[in-house]
Amino acid sequence: MKCVLDPGHKRWDNGLLRNVQRKQTEMRTTMKQYNMGIEATLEIIGGKWKALIICLLMTGVKRTGELRRGISGISEKVLIQQLRELKRDGLVERKVYEQMPPRVEYRLTEYGVTANRIVEVMCQWGTDNIRMRQRRGEEIELAEAD
């Protein structure tokens, strides 16, 4: 498409102006907006599994099987999906070794390590919550105390 500004009419030829305006409108309507910072945090590490994955990776490099064994109740399909999302968001790095059988390792990126503080606070809050509920008489236990 040839783009020529018509100096007499101050308009773009070939409909380029309409395309530019449409793109600007799309950008305004598709721009993600958060009301609070915690929304962005929960979008990345929220849900049932991601904080647990980050918690396990805080101790170092893990293979897929190690992660699956460390998280009771997670299927391999869901684990892989969550790891892909964490990788997409820049928190996890995936390294594939070309060998037989194939070996894949996961580790936190430098950016992913910054989530440790959040996960540690969540772990402490959860432990404190369990203790409070036990004092109230609820039959609940923490399988592995910190």
Protein backbone atom coordinates (compact mmCIF):
# COMPACT_ATOMS: atom_id res chain seq x y z
CA MET A 1 0.00 0.00 0.00
CA LYS A 2 1.43 3.38 -0.98
CA CYS A 3 1.19 5.98 1.74
CA VAL A 4 0.94 9.55 0.44
CA LEU A 5 -0.11 12.59 2.43
CA ASP A 6 -2.28 14.86 0.32
CA PRO A 7 -1.06 18.33 1.35
CA GLY A 8 -4.18 20.08 0.08
CA HIS A 9 -6.65 17.99 2.01
CA LYS A 10 -4.57 16.96 5.03
CA ARG A 11 -5.66 13.35 4.78
CA TRP A 12 -3.99 10.01 4.23
CA ASP A 13 -4.56 8.26 0.92
CA ASN A 14 -5.43 4.56 0.50
CA GLY A 15 -7.32 4.32 3.79
CA LEU A 16 -4.14 4.33 5.87
CA LEU A 17 -5.58 6.87 8.27
CA ARG A 18 -8.56 4.59 8.92
CA ASN A 19 -6.18 1.68 9.56
CA VAL A 20 -4.10 3.74 11.99
CA GLN A 21 -7.21 4.93 13.82
CA ARG A 22 -8.57 1.37 13.99
CA LYS A 23 -5.25 0.12 15.45
CA GLN A 24 -5.25 2.93 18.02
CA THR A 25 -8.82 2.04 19.01
CA GLU A 26 -7.86 -1.65 19.29
CA MET A 27 -4.90 -0.75 21.49
CA ARG A 28 -7.11 1.31 23.79
CA THR A 29 -9.76 -1.40 24.07
CA THR A 30 -7.29 -4.30 24.50
CA MET A 31 -4.93 -2.56 26.94
CA LYS A 32 -5.03 -4.43 30.21
CA GLN A 33 -5.95 -2.28 33.16
CA TYR A 34 -5.68 -3.19 36.81
CA ASN A 35 -7.44 -1.47 39.69
CA MET A 36 -4.90 -2.73 42.22
CA GLY A 37 -1.41 -4.19 41.94
CA ILE A 38 -2.48 -7.41 43.61
CA GLU A 39 -4.59 -8.19 40.53
CA ALA A 40 -1.43 -8.37 38.42
CA THR A 41 0.26 -10.52 41.07
CA LEU A 42 -2.64 -12.96 41.24
CA GLU A 43 -2.81 -13.15 37.46
CA ILE A 44 0.76 -14.44 37.39
CA ILE A 45 1.10 -16.52 40.58
CA GLY A 46 -2.52 -16.99 41.60
CA GLY A 47 -4.44 -20.21 41.40
CA LYS A 48 -4.01 -23.51 43.12
CA TRP A 49 -0.61 -24.61 41.80
CA LYS A 50 1.73 -21.79 40.76
CA ALA A 51 2.79 -20.68 44.23
CA LEU A 52 3.50 -24.32 45.10
CA ILE A 53 5.64 -24.71 41.98
CA ILE A 54 7.55 -21.54 42.85
CA CYS A 55 7.97 -22.78 46.42
CA LEU A 56 9.52 -26.05 45.21
CA LEU A 57 11.78 -24.26 42.73
CA MET A 58 13.02 -21.95 45.50
CA THR A 59 15.20 -24.84 46.67
CA GLY A 60 16.85 -25.26 43.26
CA VAL A 61 16.57 -26.94 39.88
CA LYS A 62 13.85 -29.59 39.56
CA ARG A 63 12.83 -32.07 36.90
CA THR A 64 9.18 -32.52 35.94
CA GLY A 65 8.83 -35.73 37.94
CA GLU A 66 10.28 -34.14 41.07
CA LEU A 67 7.78 -31.30 40.83
CA ARG A 68 4.88 -33.69 40.27
CA ARG A 69 5.87 -35.80 43.28
CA GLY A 70 6.28 -32.66 45.39
CA ILE A 71 2.76 -31.39 44.66
CA SER A 72 0.10 -33.82 45.80
CA GLY A 73 -2.92 -34.01 43.51
CA ILE A 74 -1.54 -32.24 40.43
CA SER A 75 -1.76 -34.06 37.10
CA GLU A 76 1.15 -33.99 34.69
CA LYS A 77 -0.96 -32.12 32.14
CA VAL A 78 -1.83 -29.34 34.60
CA LEU A 79 1.76 -29.18 35.89
CA ILE A 80 3.11 -28.74 32.35
CA GLN A 81 0.48 -26.08 31.60
CA GLN A 82 1.33 -24.15 34.78
CA LEU A 83 5.06 -24.39 34.05
CA ARG A 84 4.48 -23.07 30.52
CA GLU A 85 2.54 -20.10 31.91
CA LEU A 86 5.26 -19.36 34.47
CA LYS A 87 7.84 -19.59 31.68
CA ARG A 88 5.78 -17.27 29.47
CA ASP A 89 5.56 -14.77 32.33
CA GLY A 90 9.33 -14.91 32.82
CA LEU A 91 9.41 -16.56 36.25
CA VAL A 92 10.66 -20.00 35.21
CA GLU A 93 13.38 -21.15 32.84
CA ARG A 94 13.13 -24.49 31.07
CA LYS A 95 16.22 -26.39 29.93
CA VAL A 96 15.95 -29.41 27.65
CA TYR A 97 18.84 -31.87 27.42
CA GLU A 98 19.07 -33.69 24.11
CA GLN A 99 19.50 -37.22 25.38
CA MET A 100 17.56 -40.43 25.61
CA PRO A 101 15.35 -40.46 27.50
CA PRO A 102 14.83 -36.70 27.19
CA ARG A 103 15.55 -34.69 30.33
CA VAL A 104 13.90 -31.36 31.15
CA GLU A 105 14.83 -29.17 34.10
CA TYR A 106 13.12 -26.11 35.53
CA ARG A 107 14.56 -23.29 37.62
CA LEU A 108 13.47 -19.87 38.73
CA THR A 109 14.76 -16.99 36.66
CA GLU A 110 16.27 -13.95 38.33
CA TYR A 111 12.84 -12.35 38.01
CA GLY A 112 11.18 -15.49 39.40
CA VAL A 113 13.35 -15.30 42.51
CA THR A 114 11.69 -11.96 43.28
CA ALA A 115 8.45 -13.89 43.85
CA ASN A 116 10.09 -15.75 46.75
CA ARG A 117 9.20 -13.00 49.22
CA ILE A 118 5.53 -13.23 48.27
CA VAL A 119 5.48 -17.02 48.47
CA GLU A 120 7.31 -17.03 51.81
CA VAL A 121 4.74 -14.63 53.28
CA MET A 122 1.93 -16.81 51.91
CA CYS A 123 3.54 -19.91 53.47
CA GLN A 124 3.88 -18.22 56.85
CA TRP A 125 0.33 -16.89 56.73
CA GLY A 126 -0.95 -20.38 55.84
CA THR A 127 1.00 -21.96 58.72
CA ASP A 128 -0.31 -19.35 61.16
CA ASN A 129 -3.84 -19.91 59.82
CA ILE A 130 -3.60 -23.67 60.36
CA ARG A 131 -2.38 -23.17 63.95
CA MET A 132 -5.24 -20.74 64.68
CA ARG A 133 -7.79 -23.18 63.29
CA GLN A 134 -6.28 -25.99 65.38
CA ARG A 135 -6.63 -23.85 68.53
CA ARG A 136 -10.31 -23.37 67.63
CA GLY A 137 -10.70 -27.15 67.64
CA GLU A 138 -10.69 -27.83 63.89
CA GLU A 139 -9.14 -31.16 62.97
CA ILE A 140 -6.51 -29.98 60.55
CA GLU A 141 -2.79 -30.60 60.23
CA LEU A 142 0.21 -29.37 58.31
CA ALA A 143 1.96 -32.41 56.85
CA GLU A 144 5.39 -30.80 56.74
CA ALA A 145 6.08 -28.09 59.31
CA ASP A 146 8.62 -25.41 58.34
